[in-house]
N, C-alpha and C. Protein backbone atom coordinates (compact mmCIF):
# COMPACT_ATOMS: atom_id res chain seq x y z
N MET A 1 -3.60 10.95 8.17
CA MET A 1 -2.92 9.94 7.43
C MET A 1 -3.09 10.15 5.93
N SER A 2 -4.12 10.84 5.49
CA SER A 2 -4.38 10.98 4.05
C SER A 2 -3.27 11.74 3.34
N ASP A 3 -2.57 12.62 4.03
CA ASP A 3 -1.49 13.36 3.37
C ASP A 3 -0.25 12.49 3.20
N VAL A 4 -0.17 11.39 3.93
CA VAL A 4 0.97 10.50 3.86
C VAL A 4 0.71 9.35 2.90
N VAL A 5 -0.51 8.82 2.89
CA VAL A 5 -0.86 7.67 2.06
C VAL A 5 -1.17 8.13 0.65
N GLY A 6 -0.69 7.36 -0.31
CA GLY A 6 -0.96 7.68 -1.70
C GLY A 6 -1.17 6.41 -2.50
N PRO A 7 -1.60 6.55 -3.73
CA PRO A 7 -1.80 5.38 -4.58
C PRO A 7 -0.52 4.56 -4.70
N GLY A 8 -0.66 3.25 -4.60
CA GLY A 8 0.48 2.36 -4.70
C GLY A 8 1.08 1.97 -3.36
N ASP A 9 0.74 2.66 -2.28
CA ASP A 9 1.27 2.34 -0.96
C ASP A 9 0.63 1.07 -0.42
N LEU A 10 1.36 0.37 0.43
CA LEU A 10 0.83 -0.81 1.10
C LEU A 10 0.32 -0.42 2.48
N VAL A 11 -0.88 -0.93 2.82
CA VAL A 11 -1.47 -0.66 4.13
C VAL A 11 -1.87 -1.99 4.76
N LEU A 12 -1.84 -2.03 6.08
CA LEU A 12 -2.21 -3.21 6.85
C LEU A 12 -3.59 -2.98 7.44
N CYS A 13 -4.50 -3.92 7.25
CA CYS A 13 -5.84 -3.81 7.82
C CYS A 13 -5.75 -4.17 9.30
N VAL A 14 -6.13 -3.24 10.16
CA VAL A 14 -6.07 -3.48 11.60
C VAL A 14 -7.46 -3.51 12.23
N ASN A 15 -8.50 -3.24 11.44
CA ASN A 15 -9.85 -3.18 11.98
C ASN A 15 -10.82 -3.71 10.92
N ALA A 16 -11.31 -4.91 11.13
CA ALA A 16 -12.28 -5.50 10.21
C ALA A 16 -13.67 -5.50 10.83
N ALA A 17 -13.95 -4.48 11.65
CA ALA A 17 -15.26 -4.35 12.29
C ALA A 17 -16.32 -4.10 11.23
N PRO A 18 -17.58 -4.30 11.56
CA PRO A 18 -18.66 -4.05 10.58
C PRO A 18 -18.62 -2.62 10.05
N ASN A 19 -19.26 -2.43 8.91
CA ASN A 19 -19.32 -1.13 8.24
C ASN A 19 -19.83 -0.06 9.20
N HIS A 20 -19.19 1.13 9.19
CA HIS A 20 -19.57 2.21 10.09
C HIS A 20 -21.01 2.66 9.91
N VAL A 21 -21.48 2.69 8.69
CA VAL A 21 -22.80 3.25 8.41
C VAL A 21 -23.89 2.19 8.42
N THR A 22 -23.67 1.10 7.68
CA THR A 22 -24.73 0.10 7.53
C THR A 22 -24.72 -0.98 8.60
N GLY A 23 -23.57 -1.22 9.22
CA GLY A 23 -23.47 -2.28 10.23
C GLY A 23 -23.26 -3.66 9.62
N ARG A 24 -23.17 -3.74 8.29
CA ARG A 24 -22.97 -5.02 7.63
C ARG A 24 -21.51 -5.44 7.74
N PRO A 25 -21.23 -6.76 7.73
CA PRO A 25 -19.85 -7.23 7.79
C PRO A 25 -19.06 -6.77 6.56
N VAL A 26 -17.79 -6.56 6.75
CA VAL A 26 -16.93 -6.10 5.65
C VAL A 26 -16.11 -7.26 5.09
N PRO A 27 -15.74 -7.21 3.82
CA PRO A 27 -14.94 -8.29 3.22
C PRO A 27 -13.45 -8.17 3.52
N LEU A 28 -13.04 -7.17 4.28
CA LEU A 28 -11.62 -7.02 4.62
C LEU A 28 -11.23 -8.04 5.69
N GLN A 29 -9.96 -8.41 5.70
CA GLN A 29 -9.44 -9.35 6.69
C GLN A 29 -8.40 -8.64 7.54
N ALA A 30 -8.58 -8.66 8.86
CA ALA A 30 -7.60 -8.05 9.76
C ALA A 30 -6.27 -8.80 9.63
N GLY A 31 -5.19 -8.06 9.55
CA GLY A 31 -3.86 -8.65 9.43
C GLY A 31 -3.39 -8.83 8.00
N GLU A 32 -4.24 -8.55 7.02
CA GLU A 32 -3.84 -8.67 5.62
C GLU A 32 -3.41 -7.30 5.09
N THR A 33 -2.52 -7.34 4.10
CA THR A 33 -2.07 -6.10 3.49
C THR A 33 -2.83 -5.85 2.20
N TYR A 34 -3.04 -4.59 1.91
CA TYR A 34 -3.74 -4.18 0.70
C TYR A 34 -2.96 -3.04 0.05
N ARG A 35 -3.05 -2.95 -1.27
CA ARG A 35 -2.41 -1.86 -2.00
C ARG A 35 -3.46 -0.78 -2.26
N VAL A 36 -3.10 0.47 -1.94
CA VAL A 36 -4.02 1.59 -2.11
C VAL A 36 -4.15 1.91 -3.59
N VAL A 37 -5.39 1.93 -4.08
CA VAL A 37 -5.66 2.28 -5.46
C VAL A 37 -5.87 3.79 -5.58
N ASP A 38 -6.62 4.35 -4.62
CA ASP A 38 -6.93 5.78 -4.67
C ASP A 38 -7.22 6.28 -3.26
N VAL A 39 -6.96 7.56 -3.03
CA VAL A 39 -7.29 8.22 -1.78
C VAL A 39 -8.30 9.31 -2.10
N MET A 40 -9.46 9.22 -1.45
CA MET A 40 -10.52 10.20 -1.70
C MET A 40 -10.66 11.13 -0.51
N GLU A 41 -10.41 12.40 -0.73
CA GLU A 41 -10.51 13.39 0.34
C GLU A 41 -11.99 13.63 0.66
N PHE A 42 -12.51 12.82 1.56
CA PHE A 42 -13.92 12.89 1.91
C PHE A 42 -14.04 12.45 3.36
N ALA A 43 -14.71 13.23 4.16
CA ALA A 43 -14.85 12.90 5.58
C ALA A 43 -15.69 11.65 5.75
N CYS A 44 -15.17 10.71 6.51
CA CYS A 44 -15.89 9.47 6.80
C CYS A 44 -17.07 9.79 7.72
N PRO A 45 -18.20 9.13 7.55
CA PRO A 45 -19.36 9.38 8.42
C PRO A 45 -19.07 9.13 9.90
N CYS A 46 -18.06 8.34 10.22
CA CYS A 46 -17.75 8.07 11.63
C CYS A 46 -17.13 9.29 12.31
N GLY A 47 -16.59 10.22 11.51
CA GLY A 47 -16.00 11.43 12.06
C GLY A 47 -14.56 11.29 12.51
N ARG A 48 -13.95 10.12 12.30
CA ARG A 48 -12.57 9.91 12.77
C ARG A 48 -11.52 10.11 11.70
N SER A 49 -11.92 10.28 10.44
CA SER A 49 -10.92 10.46 9.39
C SER A 49 -11.40 11.47 8.36
N ASN A 50 -10.44 11.97 7.61
CA ASN A 50 -10.78 12.96 6.59
C ASN A 50 -10.59 12.42 5.18
N ALA A 51 -10.42 11.10 5.07
CA ALA A 51 -10.24 10.50 3.74
C ALA A 51 -10.71 9.05 3.75
N LEU A 52 -11.10 8.60 2.58
CA LEU A 52 -11.46 7.20 2.38
C LEU A 52 -10.44 6.58 1.45
N LEU A 53 -10.07 5.33 1.72
CA LEU A 53 -9.09 4.63 0.91
C LEU A 53 -9.77 3.59 0.04
N ASP A 54 -9.44 3.57 -1.23
CA ASP A 54 -9.91 2.53 -2.13
C ASP A 54 -8.79 1.50 -2.25
N VAL A 55 -9.06 0.29 -1.77
CA VAL A 55 -8.05 -0.77 -1.81
C VAL A 55 -8.44 -1.89 -2.77
N GLY A 56 -9.42 -1.63 -3.63
CA GLY A 56 -9.82 -2.60 -4.63
C GLY A 56 -10.82 -3.63 -4.12
N VAL A 57 -11.28 -3.49 -2.89
CA VAL A 57 -12.28 -4.39 -2.33
C VAL A 57 -13.52 -3.55 -2.06
N ASP A 58 -14.61 -3.90 -2.72
CA ASP A 58 -15.84 -3.11 -2.66
C ASP A 58 -15.56 -1.68 -3.10
N PHE A 59 -15.97 -0.67 -2.29
CA PHE A 59 -15.82 0.71 -2.74
C PHE A 59 -14.67 1.41 -2.04
N ALA A 60 -14.90 2.00 -0.89
CA ALA A 60 -13.86 2.74 -0.18
C ALA A 60 -14.05 2.53 1.32
N TRP A 61 -12.94 2.61 2.04
CA TRP A 61 -12.97 2.33 3.47
C TRP A 61 -12.32 3.45 4.25
N CYS A 62 -12.81 3.63 5.47
CA CYS A 62 -12.27 4.64 6.39
C CYS A 62 -10.78 4.36 6.61
N GLN A 63 -9.98 5.38 6.55
CA GLN A 63 -8.54 5.18 6.71
C GLN A 63 -8.15 4.72 8.11
N THR A 64 -9.06 4.83 9.09
CA THR A 64 -8.74 4.36 10.44
C THR A 64 -8.69 2.84 10.50
N ARG A 65 -9.14 2.15 9.47
CA ARG A 65 -9.07 0.69 9.42
C ARG A 65 -7.66 0.21 9.06
N PHE A 66 -6.80 1.11 8.62
CA PHE A 66 -5.51 0.71 8.07
C PHE A 66 -4.35 1.43 8.75
N ARG A 67 -3.19 0.82 8.67
CA ARG A 67 -1.93 1.44 9.08
C ARG A 67 -0.98 1.35 7.90
N LEU A 68 -0.30 2.44 7.64
CA LEU A 68 0.65 2.51 6.53
C LEU A 68 1.86 1.64 6.84
N LEU A 69 2.25 0.80 5.89
CA LEU A 69 3.45 -0.02 6.04
C LEU A 69 4.64 0.73 5.45
N PRO A 70 5.81 0.55 6.03
CA PRO A 70 6.99 1.23 5.47
C PRO A 70 7.30 0.70 4.08
N LYS A 71 7.83 1.59 3.27
CA LYS A 71 8.20 1.20 1.91
C LYS A 71 9.45 0.32 1.97
N PRO A 72 9.48 -0.74 1.15
CA PRO A 72 10.66 -1.61 1.18
C PRO A 72 11.88 -0.87 0.65
N LYS A 73 13.00 -1.12 1.28
CA LYS A 73 14.24 -0.49 0.84
C LYS A 73 14.81 -1.29 -0.32
N ALA A 74 15.49 -0.60 -1.19
CA ALA A 74 16.08 -1.25 -2.35
C ALA A 74 17.17 -2.21 -1.89
N GLU A 75 17.16 -3.40 -2.46
CA GLU A 75 18.18 -4.38 -2.13
C GLU A 75 19.30 -4.31 -3.15
N LYS A 76 20.51 -4.41 -2.66
CA LYS A 76 21.64 -4.42 -3.57
C LYS A 76 21.82 -5.82 -4.11
N LYS A 77 21.91 -5.91 -5.42
CA LYS A 77 22.12 -7.20 -6.07
C LYS A 77 23.59 -7.30 -6.46
N PRO A 78 24.17 -8.45 -6.26
CA PRO A 78 25.59 -8.60 -6.66
C PRO A 78 25.71 -8.46 -8.18
N ARG A 79 26.69 -7.69 -8.56
CA ARG A 79 26.92 -7.47 -10.00
C ARG A 79 28.09 -8.33 -10.45
N LYS A 80 28.01 -8.74 -11.67
CA LYS A 80 29.12 -9.49 -12.25
C LYS A 80 30.20 -8.49 -12.66
N ALA A 81 31.43 -8.83 -12.33
CA ALA A 81 32.53 -7.96 -12.70
C ALA A 81 32.81 -8.12 -14.19
N SER A 82 32.90 -7.01 -14.87
CA SER A 82 33.19 -7.09 -16.30
C SER A 82 34.71 -7.04 -16.48
N LEU A 83 35.21 -8.06 -17.11
CA LEU A 83 36.64 -8.14 -17.36
C LEU A 83 36.92 -7.67 -18.79
N PRO A 84 38.02 -6.96 -18.96
CA PRO A 84 38.34 -6.54 -20.32
C PRO A 84 38.69 -7.76 -21.19
N LYS A 85 38.27 -7.72 -22.42
CA LYS A 85 38.55 -8.84 -23.33
C LYS A 85 40.01 -8.78 -23.76
N GLU A 86 40.59 -9.95 -23.76
CA GLU A 86 41.99 -10.00 -24.19
C GLU A 86 42.05 -10.09 -25.71
N LYS A 87 42.90 -9.27 -26.27
CA LYS A 87 43.03 -9.25 -27.72
C LYS A 87 44.37 -9.85 -28.12
N GLU A 88 44.34 -10.66 -29.14
CA GLU A 88 45.58 -11.25 -29.64
C GLU A 88 46.14 -10.30 -30.71
N THR A 89 47.40 -10.06 -30.62
CA THR A 89 48.01 -9.22 -31.65
C THR A 89 48.54 -10.11 -32.78
N VAL A 90 48.12 -9.81 -33.96
CA VAL A 90 48.52 -10.59 -35.14
C VAL A 90 49.54 -9.76 -35.91
N ARG A 91 50.71 -10.37 -36.22
CA ARG A 91 51.76 -9.66 -36.96
C ARG A 91 52.01 -10.24 -38.27
């Protein structure tokens, strides 16, 4: 997933289990979305991922805790039609 995820992407937290290494509870909430600040190419101690994601909460988290959300498609906004200005001819 690290080759697909980049800074600025939105990810969904799907696993708010305790920390892999320390066993302490994590401040992440399952079902909430987070914006990726940075992707660090570093193998997680759990052995399931090759990168850690920094989402602005504490330090960095195993990428297996998240799922990449699709990027929103651009919405078309209605444009105002520009009408040519009428000119009066003065003689």
